[in-house]
Amino acid sequence: MTQRNGIRGSSDPSHHSETSKAFELANGLDHDAVQWDSDCEKGRRSETADPLAITGGAVTAPDGGWGWVVLVATILVLALTLGFPSCVGIFYTDLQNEFHASNSETSWVPSIMTSMLHAGGPFCSVLVGKLGCRATVILGGVLSGLGMAASSFTHSITELYITAGVITGLGFCFSFQPAVTILGHYFVRRRAFANAMSSTGTALGLCTLPFLGNYLHTEFGWRGSFLILGAVLLNCCVCGAVMRPLQPKKHRGEPLLNHTPPQLEKEPKQRGRFRTISRFLVASLKEHMAFDQFCNNRRYCVFAIGITFMMLGFVVPLVFLVPYATAHGMEPSQAALLLSILGIVNIVVRPPFAIIFNMPWFKGRHIYAFASALLFNGLSNSICCIGAGFPVLLGYVVMYGLSMSVVGSLMFTVLMDIVEMSRFPSALGLLAVMESITLLIGPPLAGILVDRTGQYFYVFIACSCVVASSSVFLMLSFLWLDKKERKASKQDQLSAQPKPVKPASNASPGCECSSLP
């Protein structure tokens, strides 16, 4: 014990004996990564060690301080990005009349926007690695603002797909994912609380943007509204400006050209460039797309599959709620009020849930609370089949909002529980790409269902079945994985126990030790 403490606390290098190094290697410790320098008594670590790389951000995470400012900025970014696609439903009828489009054609606008918000994950991960979270969030704010402003000058539904769908959705991605990532580095001990509080940003957007969109629609029409909303989205740049990095930029080593392998120098330039580019692409995919986690981490694989299937019907009700209400004679202002009530429910409910889910009892049980809320959310969609009156839809919005609060509060927390924080950006990138596929086809499929049947409530029935089945899949899968891990741990404990020594046949009576030959 004296030698081991000397390795970690002594400032004299002479105390590091060969025995202590062998002890470290036998116990799986990386001697170079955690080596303390001669100034360790002053509380400083070696400059060659990266605290974030060693502990996933636990060393330098303040769990407060400037992290609260970053949390507020993340809330505003999520309000402007995740809450915005549901606001497009207010302009749904105007877009149909302007471009003479069907339900399925018009539903592609919020569908592409939401899909690009998730599909741009790998590109966003590359930008975060090159530019940092702050610059990537600012770039996303510029793209989303320009995309919505350009949408006000479009003359066809196809142009709207590009401006409001691709450009704005990609800007949302570049703002949303770095904000969530940097929040995970600022908070470790209070990570569940911080993630739950940041998820109130979606509720804030659902609460305020429908009111704002309805007012702008009444005063300026859909074109003027899109132009003003583009200016509103530029506030993501302000939020990104306060997300300063925790660590200073690392000193760059020598250029990679000085370390070119000899075989590449001897080969022709075109062949060498092709191999260099291909290797770079493969390395980028491995770094920014967590395929290794998907293949080797069973929990991440199950979670990714369940969330991907869930997204086929999770956001569709938010897109079709306003058209469903207005098609049955409800005033547009009342229909927009439903979305605002949904946001108010989320704002009121999510902070208490943030405190509850940060309790020690929920550690390791976040996935079951998440799956239970998802089951409740899926079943709540069947309420719309009762009728389209305001009291019925009000009850539906309250039930949907309660379950949505839990789902939004725990989604990123569960992901951080099942993967290491160092792999969280790449795991989120792969999950976002998988989600984008179902998010892209979900609303258009619902639009085709409305065009074929002429009724909106079939959409809510289909969403109820999809979301409820995904929750059952997640719950049963994680129960099976937990049972399998407990069984394996018991077997390891039994195998680790020392076996009793049987006395030899030539031992004397009453002697517990065998005689030596």
Foldseek 3Di string as FASTA:
>chain_A
DVLLCCQQDNLDPVSNDPVNVVVCVVVPHDSVQRGAHNCVVVVDRDPVHDVCVVAVQPVQQPQDDLLVLLLVLLLQLCLLQVQPLLLCLLCQVVQCVQAVDFQLLSLLLSLLLLLLLLQCLLVLVVCCVVPNLLVLLLQLLLQLLQLLLVCLVDRHSVSSCVRSRNRNSNSSNSNNLSSLLLSCNNRDLLSLLSQLSSLLSSLVNLQPSLVLSVVCCVVPNPSSSSNVSSVVSSCSNVSSNSSDHSDDDDDDDDDVVVVDDPVLVPDDPVVSVVVVVVVVVVVSCVQQAVVVCCVPQVLLVLLLVLVQLLLLQLCQCSSCQQVQLVVVPDDSVLSSVLSSVLSVLLNVQSNVVSVVCSDPVCVVVLLVLLLVLLLQLLVLLLLPVVDNDSVSSSVSSNSNSNSVSSNSSRVLVVLCNRDPSSCSSSSSSNSSSSNSVSSSVRSSVLSVVCVVPVHNSVSSNVSSVRSNVSSVSSVVVVVVVVVVVVVVVVVVVVVPDDDDDDEDPPDDPPDPHHDDD
